[in-house]
C-alpha atoms as a PDB file:
ATOM      1  CA  MET A   1     104.672 104.623 126.514  1.00  0.00           C
ATOM      2  CA  LYS A   2     102.527 102.219 124.565  1.00  0.00           C
ATOM      3  CA  TRP A   3      99.624 104.654 124.640  1.00  0.00           C
ATOM      4  CA  PHE A   4     101.427 106.870 122.106  1.00  0.00           C
ATOM      5  CA  ASP A   5     103.098 104.087 120.091  1.00  0.00           C
ATOM      6  CA  THR A   6     101.446 104.438 116.694  1.00  0.00           C
ATOM      7  CA  SER A   7     103.695 102.205 114.616  1.00  0.00           C
ATOM      8  CA  GLU A   8     100.965  99.600 114.194  1.00  0.00           C
ATOM      9  CA  VAL A   9      98.274 102.053 113.119  1.00  0.00           C
ATOM     10  CA  ASP A  10     100.719 103.880 110.848  1.00  0.00           C
ATOM     11  CA  SER A  11     101.521 100.666 108.982  1.00  0.00           C
ATOM     12  CA  PHE A  12      97.811  99.803 108.816  1.00  0.00           C
ATOM     13  CA  ALA A  13      97.065 103.266 107.384  1.00  0.00           C
ATOM     14  CA  LYS A  14      99.721 102.745 104.684  1.00  0.00           C
ATOM     15  CA  TRP A  15      98.177  99.382 103.867  1.00  0.00           C
ATOM     16  CA  VAL A  16      94.672 100.901 103.615  1.00  0.00           C
ATOM     17  CA  ILE A  17      95.879 103.682 101.315  1.00  0.00           C
ATOM     18  CA  GLY A  18      97.720 101.172  99.132  1.00  0.00           C
ATOM     19  CA  GLU A  19      94.639  98.979  98.842  1.00  0.00           C
ATOM     20  CA  VAL A  20      92.379 101.891  97.922  1.00  0.00           C
ATOM     21  CA  VAL A  21      94.820 103.166  95.294  1.00  0.00           C
ATOM     22  CA  GLN A  22      95.283  99.681  93.826  1.00  0.00           C
ATOM     23  CA  ARG A  23      91.625  98.667  93.803  1.00  0.00           C
ATOM     24  CA  LEU A  24      90.095 102.050  92.978  1.00  0.00           C
ATOM     25  CA  PRO A  25      92.537 104.510  91.368  1.00  0.00           C
ATOM     26  CA  PRO A  26      91.506 108.176  91.722  1.00  0.00           C
ATOM     27  CA  ALA A  27      90.824 108.539  87.987  1.00  0.00           C
ATOM     28  CA  THR A  28      88.148 105.826  88.062  1.00  0.00           C
ATOM     29  CA  LEU A  29      85.877 107.728  90.449  1.00  0.00           C
ATOM     30  CA  GLY A  30      84.810 110.272  87.846  1.00  0.00           C
ATOM     31  CA  SER A  31      84.527 107.796  84.996  1.00  0.00           C
ATOM     32  CA  ASP A  32      81.414 106.262  83.462  1.00  0.00           C
ATOM     33  CA  ASP A  33      82.551 102.745  84.374  1.00  0.00           C
ATOM     34  CA  ALA A  34      79.469 100.596  84.978  1.00  0.00           C
ATOM     35  CA  THR A  35      81.321  98.352  87.436  1.00  0.00           C
ATOM     36  CA  ILE A  36      82.442 101.167  89.744  1.00  0.00           C
ATOM     37  CA  GLY A  37      79.757 100.449  92.349  1.00  0.00           C
ATOM     38  CA  ASP A  38      80.705  96.785  92.561  1.00  0.00           C
ATOM     39  CA  ARG A  39      84.409  97.630  92.770  1.00  0.00           C
ATOM     40  CA  ILE A  40      83.781 100.066  95.623  1.00  0.00           C
ATOM     41  CA  ARG A  41      81.661  97.520  97.480  1.00  0.00           C
ATOM     42  CA  ARG A  42      84.285  94.754  97.187  1.00  0.00           C
ATOM     43  CA  MET A  43      87.085  97.112  98.222  1.00  0.00           C
ATOM     44  CA  ASN A  44      85.062  98.348 101.179  1.00  0.00           C
ATOM     45  CA  GLU A  45      84.263  94.804 102.333  1.00  0.00           C
ATOM     46  CA  PHE A  46      87.911  93.747 102.124  1.00  0.00           C
ATOM     47  CA  ILE A  47      89.251  96.756 104.020  1.00  0.00           C
ATOM     48  CA  SER A  48      86.411  96.624 106.548  1.00  0.00           C
ATOM     49  CA  ALA A  49      87.177  92.989 107.345  1.00  0.00           C
ATOM     50  CA  ARG A  50      90.808  93.819 108.108  1.00  0.00           C
ATOM     51  CA  ALA A  51      89.835  96.908 110.120  1.00  0.00           C
ATOM     52  CA  THR A  52      87.349  94.883 112.138  1.00  0.00           C
ATOM     53  CA  ALA A  53      89.991  92.248 112.837  1.00  0.00           C
ATOM     54  CA  LEU A  54      92.452  94.920 113.985  1.00  0.00           C
ATOM     55  CA  ALA A  55      89.887  96.521 116.290  1.00  0.00           C
ATOM     56  CA  SER A  56      88.820  93.145 117.690  1.00  0.00           C
ATOM     57  CA  GLU A  57      92.372  92.040 118.466  1.00  0.00           C
ATOM     58  CA  ARG A  58      93.534  95.318 119.973  1.00  0.00           C
ATOM     59  CA  ARG A  59      91.367  97.998 121.457  1.00  0.00           C
ATOM     60  CA  LEU A  60      92.818 101.171 119.991  1.00  0.00           C
ATOM     61  CA  ASN A  61      92.745 104.214 122.230  1.00  0.00           C
ATOM     62  CA  PHE A  62      91.359 107.562 121.110  1.00  0.00           C
ATOM     63  CA  TYR A  63      94.763 108.880 120.054  1.00  0.00           C
ATOM     64  CA  LYS A  64      95.518 105.868 117.853  1.00  0.00           C
ATOM     65  CA  ARG A  65      92.088 105.939 116.203  1.00  0.00           C
ATOM     66  CA  ALA A  66      92.468 109.642 115.458  1.00  0.00           C
ATOM     67  CA  ARG A  67      95.991 109.099 114.134  1.00  0.00           C
ATOM     68  CA  LEU A  68      94.795 106.287 111.857  1.00  0.00           C
ATOM     69  CA  ALA A  69      91.948 108.364 110.437  1.00  0.00           C
ATOM     70  CA  ASN A  70      94.220 111.346 109.894  1.00  0.00           C
ATOM     71  CA  GLN A  71      96.905 109.278 108.157  1.00  0.00           C
ATOM     72  CA  VAL A  72      94.335 107.707 105.839  1.00  0.00           C
ATOM     73  CA  LYS A  73      92.658 111.030 105.092  1.00  0.00           C
ATOM     74  CA  TRP A  74      95.857 112.833 104.134  1.00  0.00           C
ATOM     75  CA  GLY A  75      97.286 109.804 102.353  1.00  0.00           C
ATOM     76  CA  LEU A  76      94.224 109.598 100.123  1.00  0.00           C
ATOM     77  CA  ARG A  77      94.315 113.327  99.437  1.00  0.00           C
ATOM     78  CA  GLU A  78      97.986 113.114  98.467  1.00  0.00           C
ATOM     79  CA  ALA A  79      97.168 110.172  96.193  1.00  0.00           C
ATOM     80  CA  GLY A  80      94.776 112.379  94.235  1.00  0.00           C
ATOM     81  CA  TYR A  81      91.378 111.622  95.725  1.00  0.00           C
ATOM     82  CA  SER A  82      88.900 114.418  96.322  1.00  0.00           C
ATOM     83  CA  ASP A  83      88.677 115.990  99.760  1.00  0.00           C
ATOM     84  CA  ARG A  84      85.118 114.723 100.097  1.00  0.00           C
ATOM     85  CA  PHE A  85      86.073 111.118  99.306  1.00  0.00           C
ATOM     86  CA  ALA A  86      89.095 111.181 101.642  1.00  0.00           C
ATOM     87  CA  ASP A  87      87.138 112.760 104.488  1.00  0.00           C
ATOM     88  CA  THR A  88      84.211 110.373 104.157  1.00  0.00           C
ATOM     89  CA  PHE A  89      86.361 107.265 103.796  1.00  0.00           C
ATOM     90  CA  SER A  90      88.545 108.087 106.797  1.00  0.00           C
ATOM     91  CA  TYR A  91      85.517 109.018 108.940  1.00  0.00           C
ATOM     92  CA  GLU A  92      83.765 105.746 108.126  1.00  0.00           C
ATOM     93  CA  LEU A  93      86.931 103.762 108.839  1.00  0.00           C
ATOM     94  CA  ALA A  94      87.368 105.443 112.234  1.00  0.00           C
ATOM     95  CA  THR A  95      83.701 104.840 113.050  1.00  0.00           C
ATOM     96  CA  LEU A  96      83.961 101.148 112.151  1.00  0.00           C
ATOM     97  CA  ILE A  97      87.043 100.692 114.320  1.00  0.00           C
ATOM     98  CA  THR A  98      85.482 102.571 117.232  1.00  0.00           C
ATOM     99  CA  VAL A  99      82.235 100.601 117.153  1.00  0.00           C
ATOM    100  CA  THR A 100      84.023  97.276 116.749  1.00  0.00           C
ATOM    101  CA  GLY A 101      86.390  98.046 119.609  1.00  0.00           C
ATOM    102  CA  ARG A 102      83.489  98.776 121.943  1.00  0.00           C
ATOM    103  CA  ARG A 103      81.667  95.499 121.313  1.00  0.00           C
ATOM    104  CA  LYS A 104      81.765  93.009 124.106  1.00  0.00           C
ATOM    105  CA  LYS A 105      83.845  89.949 123.318  1.00  0.00           C
ATOM    106  CA  SER A 106      81.843  86.722 123.427  1.00  0.00           C
END
């Protein structure tokens, strides 16, 4: 059943986690780095663009969206990010994908 085939969202979740870890290592979040806000913004824009493209190309069902958010959340926690950061990031990612998937195609 394709409805439960999560291989695509699993690989996307791994990519997202890798990008976050590479662009914004967990240790930098608590630092006094003056460029942290700009780094977060650029990372967020890059990941959001890919997430929007994924949601536009394929309308992910509820199960796949939940699986993606869960994979990202636990992947970020395992990478050393705070629970609050992981929860917020994964929630915002799932919201972006849901809203994008519901837009009417022009």
